[in-house]
Amino acid sequence: MIYERISSNKRSSILLIALFFALIISLGYLFGALFAYGYIGIFIAFIISISMILFSYYNGDKAVLSINRAVPASKKEYPYLINTVEGLSIAAGISNPKVYVIDDPAINAFATGRDPKHASVAVTTGALHKLDREELEGVIGHELSHVKNYDIRFMTLVAILVGVVAMLSNFMLRSFWWGGGSRDREKGGELQIILILVGIAMAIFAPLIAQFIKFAISRRREFLADADGALLTRYPKGLADALRKIEKDQNELKHASPAMEHMYISNPFKKKNWFVNMFSTHPPIEERIKALEAM
């Protein structure tokens, strides 16, 4: 079962890269057609795609940690955190990930990296101060399950690539206002108008498509990581109690990025309206607690 999920995550990562590559090339083609740059737009999009895919794979974790202002945890200052990560890593049969701390009162945590040998776990000071030992172990177990199952590679790629798609789409939309379309718009006739409309539609919907990809992959992964984390600690109640405290905590993670929302153990933004929750990257905490209590 575990090996099937690991293989599935590896295949999903390849598929995600292919979809991202096709989306960026499409944006590049439309940009070149609309602004009369010909195939230069495709060439630029190709270079951007390759560069960002390589960056996401090899340095995406560093970018995620930097954006969240995570700093390395020292064993002298955080001995229990380090010991917990090391002990549960041995139980999970993986290398010890690097451990980071985020100075923030919100209760949250995430894991990142391209594989278990190049993984990092980050925990907020809010989690360290507000959770007891068993609850913290439950949270760490959840994150190490993401590491073991190669969820981290896929989630880190999603975080970086969704951000890139949104950035390029925003640039394309702004170009319409600055340049007004192709330099030869007057000669383009109906075809040019169609291209402009398609270009605007792509620029608007590309980031939405990327977001829906993110929504689709996140919810099931959280349930599975909860179950695997509980099996790792052999104490489902610890994680269930941690989730209860997270639900009651009203602090938002100050430096959280919407592109990385799916990476945290719980939504870092305290959104309560039904429309936002419907498109949340996380299943309702009540459902996660109920599943843990049934174990």
Protein backbone atom coordinates (compact mmCIF):
# COMPACT_ATOMS: atom_id res chain seq x y z
CA MET A 1 0.00 0.00 0.00
CA ILE A 2 2.74 2.46 1.03
CA TYR A 3 4.86 1.60 -2.03
CA GLU A 4 1.86 2.04 -4.33
CA ARG A 5 1.29 5.54 -2.94
CA ILE A 6 4.97 6.43 -3.28
CA SER A 7 4.91 5.29 -6.92
CA SER A 8 1.68 7.23 -7.47
CA ASN A 9 3.23 10.39 -6.04
CA LYS A 10 6.27 10.04 -8.31
CA ARG A 11 4.02 9.59 -11.37
CA SER A 12 1.91 12.56 -10.29
CA SER A 13 5.03 14.71 -10.03
CA ILE A 14 5.99 13.88 -13.62
CA LEU A 15 2.43 14.56 -14.81
CA LEU A 16 2.36 17.87 -12.96
CA ILE A 17 5.62 18.97 -14.59
CA ALA A 18 4.23 18.02 -18.03
CA LEU A 19 0.99 19.97 -17.45
CA PHE A 20 2.92 22.97 -16.19
CA PHE A 21 5.24 22.83 -19.21
CA ALA A 22 2.27 22.69 -21.63
CA LEU A 23 0.50 25.56 -19.86
CA ILE A 24 3.55 27.84 -19.96
CA ILE A 25 4.27 27.01 -23.62
CA SER A 26 0.63 27.82 -24.46
CA LEU A 27 0.91 31.18 -22.71
CA GLY A 28 4.17 31.82 -24.58
CA TYR A 29 2.59 31.00 -27.95
CA LEU A 30 -0.35 33.33 -27.32
CA PHE A 31 1.93 36.08 -26.08
CA GLY A 32 4.05 35.80 -29.24
CA ALA A 33 0.99 35.77 -31.49
CA LEU A 34 -0.69 38.73 -29.82
CA PHE A 35 2.38 40.96 -29.73
CA ALA A 36 3.79 39.94 -33.12
CA TYR A 37 6.91 38.31 -31.67
CA GLY A 38 6.34 35.06 -33.53
CA TYR A 39 8.03 32.01 -32.06
CA ILE A 40 10.14 34.13 -29.73
CA GLY A 41 7.29 33.89 -27.20
CA ILE A 42 7.44 30.07 -27.29
CA PHE A 43 11.24 30.12 -26.94
CA ILE A 44 11.06 32.43 -23.92
CA ALA A 45 8.29 30.29 -22.37
CA PHE A 46 10.40 27.16 -22.97
CA ILE A 47 13.41 28.68 -21.21
CA ILE A 48 11.22 29.88 -18.31
CA SER A 49 9.59 26.44 -18.00
CA ILE A 50 12.87 24.51 -17.91
CA SER A 51 14.44 27.00 -15.51
CA MET A 52 11.51 26.97 -13.08
CA ILE A 53 11.11 23.19 -13.19
CA LEU A 54 14.80 22.73 -12.32
CA PHE A 55 14.60 25.45 -9.68
CA SER A 56 11.46 23.90 -8.17
CA TYR A 57 13.02 20.45 -8.04
CA TYR A 58 16.39 21.41 -6.59
CA ASN A 59 15.71 24.64 -4.70
CA GLY A 60 11.94 24.77 -4.14
CA ASP A 61 12.31 23.70 -0.51
CA LYS A 62 14.77 26.53 0.18
CA ALA A 63 12.37 29.04 -1.36
CA VAL A 64 9.46 27.72 0.73
CA LEU A 65 11.49 27.89 3.94
CA SER A 66 12.74 31.40 3.12
CA ILE A 67 9.27 32.76 2.31
CA ASN A 68 7.99 31.40 5.64
CA ARG A 69 11.03 32.86 7.47
CA ALA A 70 11.96 29.50 8.90
CA VAL A 71 15.31 29.30 10.71
CA PRO A 72 17.30 26.16 11.62
CA ALA A 73 16.43 24.73 15.04
CA SER A 74 19.36 24.14 17.38
CA LYS A 75 19.41 21.13 19.68
CA LYS A 76 20.45 23.38 22.56
CA GLU A 77 17.36 25.59 22.20
CA TYR A 78 14.82 23.00 21.02
CA PRO A 79 16.02 19.63 22.37
CA TYR A 80 12.60 17.97 22.56
CA LEU A 81 11.66 19.01 19.01
CA ILE A 82 14.94 17.66 17.59
CA ASN A 83 14.71 14.43 19.60
CA THR A 84 11.09 13.90 18.53
CA VAL A 85 11.92 14.33 14.85
CA GLU A 86 14.92 12.00 15.14
CA GLY A 87 12.98 9.32 17.05
CA LEU A 88 9.99 9.31 14.72
CA SER A 89 12.28 9.36 11.66
CA ILE A 90 13.88 6.14 12.90
CA ALA A 91 10.42 4.64 13.43
CA ALA A 92 9.43 5.68 9.90
CA GLY A 93 12.63 4.25 8.42
CA ILE A 94 13.78 7.51 6.82
CA SER A 95 16.78 9.83 7.14
CA ASN A 96 16.54 12.62 9.70
CA PRO A 97 15.12 15.70 7.96
CA LYS A 98 16.49 19.15 8.73
CA VAL A 99 14.43 20.87 11.42
CA TYR A 100 13.33 24.50 11.27
CA VAL A 101 11.36 26.83 13.53
CA ILE A 102 9.08 29.69 12.46
CA ASP A 103 8.70 32.50 15.01
CA ASP A 104 4.93 32.84 14.90
CA PRO A 105 2.16 32.41 17.54
CA ALA A 106 -0.06 30.39 15.17
CA ILE A 107 -0.10 26.61 15.62
CA ASN A 108 1.12 25.11 12.35
CA ALA A 109 3.80 23.02 10.66
CA PHE A 110 4.82 21.79 7.21
CA ALA A 111 7.35 19.52 5.49
CA THR A 112 9.16 20.26 2.26
CA GLY A 113 11.88 18.82 0.01
CA ARG A 114 12.30 16.64 -3.07
CA ASP A 115 12.70 13.26 -1.32
CA PRO A 116 13.24 11.81 2.18
CA LYS A 117 17.02 12.34 1.90
CA HIS A 118 16.54 16.04 1.13
CA ALA A 119 13.64 16.88 3.43
CA SER A 120 12.93 19.59 5.99
CA VAL A 121 10.29 19.95 8.68
CA ALA A 122 9.26 23.38 9.98
CA VAL A 123 7.22 24.01 13.13
CA THR A 124 5.92 27.32 14.50
CA THR A 125 6.84 28.55 17.97
CA GLY A 126 3.09 28.67 18.58
CA ALA A 127 2.93 24.89 18.13
CA LEU A 128 5.92 24.39 20.44
CA HIS A 129 4.41 26.55 23.18
CA LYS A 130 0.75 25.51 22.96
CA LEU A 131 0.92 21.78 22.24
CA ASP A 132 1.85 19.18 24.83
CA ARG A 133 4.34 16.43 24.04
CA GLU A 134 1.86 13.89 22.68
CA GLU A 135 0.15 16.52 20.53
CA LEU A 136 3.47 17.74 19.12
CA GLU A 137 4.45 14.14 18.37
CA GLY A 138 1.18 13.74 16.48
CA VAL A 139 1.93 16.82 14.36
CA ILE A 140 5.51 15.69 13.66
CA GLY A 141 4.27 12.19 12.79
CA HIS A 142 1.85 13.73 10.27
CA GLU A 143 4.63 15.73 8.61
CA LEU A 144 7.06 12.80 8.52
CA SER A 145 4.35 10.74 6.82
CA HIS A 146 4.32 13.36 4.04
CA VAL A 147 8.09 12.93 3.83
CA LYS A 148 8.02 9.12 3.73
CA ASN A 149 5.26 9.02 1.11
CA TYR A 150 7.01 11.54 -1.20
CA ASP A 151 4.09 13.95 -0.77
CA ILE A 152 6.69 16.66 -0.13
CA ARG A 153 8.09 16.55 -3.67
CA PHE A 154 4.67 16.93 -5.21
CA MET A 155 3.48 19.59 -2.77
CA THR A 156 6.67 21.65 -3.13
CA LEU A 157 6.43 21.50 -6.93
CA VAL A 158 2.79 22.57 -6.77
CA ALA A 159 3.61 25.52 -4.48
CA ILE A 160 6.34 26.88 -6.76
CA LEU A 161 4.68 26.17 -10.11
CA VAL A 162 1.28 27.59 -9.12
CA GLY A 163 3.06 30.77 -8.09
CA VAL A 164 4.92 30.95 -11.42
CA VAL A 165 1.76 30.42 -13.49
CA ALA A 166 -0.01 33.18 -11.54
CA MET A 167 2.97 35.53 -11.99
CA LEU A 168 3.23 34.96 -15.76
CA SER A 169 -0.52 35.27 -16.23
CA ASN A 170 -0.50 38.55 -14.32
CA PHE A 171 2.35 39.80 -16.53
CA MET A 172 0.37 38.86 -19.64
CA LEU A 173 -2.72 40.71 -18.46
CA ARG A 174 -0.70 43.82 -17.64
CA SER A 175 0.85 43.67 -21.11
CA PHE A 176 -2.61 44.15 -22.62
CA TRP A 177 -3.02 47.40 -20.73
CA TRP A 178 0.50 48.61 -21.53
CA GLY A 179 0.79 47.46 -25.14
CA GLY A 180 -2.81 47.09 -26.22
CA GLY A 181 -2.17 43.80 -28.03
CA SER A 182 -0.17 43.20 -31.18
CA ARG A 183 1.73 45.99 -32.86
CA ASP A 184 -0.07 45.00 -36.04
CA ARG A 185 -3.53 44.90 -34.48
CA GLU A 186 -4.99 47.06 -37.28
CA LYS A 187 -3.99 44.44 -39.84
CA GLY A 188 -5.12 41.43 -37.89
CA GLY A 189 -8.86 41.57 -38.44
CA GLU A 190 -11.09 38.97 -36.88
CA LEU A 191 -8.28 36.49 -36.22
CA GLN A 192 -6.43 39.05 -34.14
CA ILE A 193 -9.57 39.80 -32.11
CA ILE A 194 -10.06 36.07 -31.46
CA LEU A 195 -6.42 35.72 -30.38
CA ILE A 196 -6.78 38.66 -28.02
CA LEU A 197 -9.92 37.16 -26.45
CA VAL A 198 -8.27 33.73 -26.12
CA GLY A 199 -5.15 35.36 -24.67
CA ILE A 200 -7.16 37.27 -22.07
CA ALA A 201 -9.12 34.11 -21.21
CA MET A 202 -5.88 32.11 -20.81
CA ALA A 203 -4.30 34.83 -18.67
CA ILE A 204 -7.36 34.86 -16.40
CA PHE A 205 -8.04 31.13 -16.20
CA ALA A 206 -4.48 29.73 -16.17
CA PRO A 207 -3.94 30.55 -12.46
CA LEU A 208 -7.45 29.26 -11.68
CA ILE A 209 -6.64 25.97 -13.41
CA ALA A 210 -3.42 25.78 -11.42
CA GLN A 211 -5.36 26.41 -8.20
CA PHE A 212 -7.88 23.66 -8.99
CA ILE A 213 -4.99 21.23 -9.54
CA LYS A 214 -3.76 22.19 -6.09
CA PHE A 215 -7.21 21.71 -4.52
CA ALA A 216 -7.65 18.32 -6.17
CA ILE A 217 -4.42 16.85 -4.80
CA SER A 218 -4.49 18.16 -1.25
CA ARG A 219 -7.50 16.90 0.68
CA ARG A 220 -6.98 13.14 0.31
CA ARG A 221 -3.28 13.54 1.13
CA GLU A 222 -4.15 15.14 4.49
CA PHE A 223 -6.40 12.24 5.52
CA LEU A 224 -3.72 9.72 4.55
CA ALA A 225 -0.98 11.65 6.38
CA ASP A 226 -3.19 11.83 9.48
CA ALA A 227 -3.69 8.05 9.42
CA ASP A 228 -0.03 7.26 8.74
CA GLY A 229 1.12 9.76 11.36
CA ALA A 230 -1.17 8.18 13.96
CA LEU A 231 0.19 4.72 13.09
CA LEU A 232 3.72 6.08 13.44
CA THR A 233 3.16 7.48 16.94
CA ARG A 234 0.68 4.69 17.82
CA TYR A 235 -1.46 7.34 19.51
CA PRO A 236 -4.19 8.84 17.25
CA LYS A 237 -5.55 10.91 20.17
CA GLY A 238 -2.36 13.02 20.21
CA LEU A 239 -2.92 14.31 16.67
CA ALA A 240 -6.68 14.60 17.21
CA ASP A 241 -6.12 16.81 20.28
CA ALA A 242 -3.56 18.90 18.36
CA LEU A 243 -6.10 19.47 15.58
CA ARG A 244 -8.67 20.60 18.18
CA LYS A 245 -6.22 23.21 19.47
CA ILE A 246 -5.43 24.30 15.90
CA GLU A 247 -9.15 24.72 15.21
CA LYS A 248 -9.63 26.92 18.28
CA ASP A 249 -6.47 28.97 17.66
CA GLN A 250 -7.35 32.28 16.00
CA ASN A 251 -3.80 33.30 15.03
CA GLU A 252 -3.05 33.38 11.31
CA LEU A 253 0.44 32.51 10.12
CA LYS A 254 1.84 35.96 9.34
CA HIS A 255 4.07 35.12 6.39
CA ALA A 256 2.02 32.32 4.86
CA SER A 257 1.61 32.38 1.08
CA PRO A 258 -1.66 31.31 -0.58
CA ALA A 259 0.40 29.32 -3.11
CA MET A 260 1.70 27.21 -0.20
CA GLU A 261 -1.60 26.84 1.65
CA HIS A 262 -1.77 23.11 0.85
CA MET A 263 1.60 22.41 2.48
CA TYR A 264 0.65 23.21 6.08
CA ILE A 265 -0.91 20.72 8.47
CA SER A 266 -3.90 23.09 8.67
CA ASN A 267 -5.08 26.06 6.63
CA PRO A 268 -2.92 28.99 7.81
CA PHE A 269 -5.69 31.46 6.99
CA LYS A 270 -8.64 31.53 9.39
CA LYS A 271 -11.38 31.68 6.76
CA LYS A 272 -14.87 30.75 7.86
CA ASN A 273 -17.27 31.61 5.02
CA TRP A 274 -18.78 28.65 3.16
CA PHE A 275 -17.56 29.67 -0.31
CA VAL A 276 -13.89 29.85 0.69
CA ASN A 277 -14.11 26.64 2.71
CA MET A 278 -15.62 24.82 -0.29
CA PHE A 279 -12.38 25.45 -2.20
CA SER A 280 -10.07 24.88 0.77
CA THR A 281 -6.97 22.73 0.28
CA HIS A 282 -7.70 20.97 3.58
CA PRO A 283 -10.65 18.80 4.61
CA PRO A 284 -12.67 20.10 7.59
CA ILE A 285 -10.81 19.53 10.84
CA GLU A 286 -13.94 17.97 12.38
CA GLU A 287 -13.82 15.21 9.72
CA ARG A 288 -10.12 14.61 10.32
CA ILE A 289 -10.68 14.31 14.08
CA LYS A 290 -13.58 11.92 13.54
CA ALA A 291 -11.43 9.70 11.30
CA LEU A 292 -8.63 9.65 13.88
CA GLU A 293 -11.04 8.78 16.71
CA ALA A 294 -12.33 5.87 14.65
CA MET A 295 -8.86 4.30 14.41
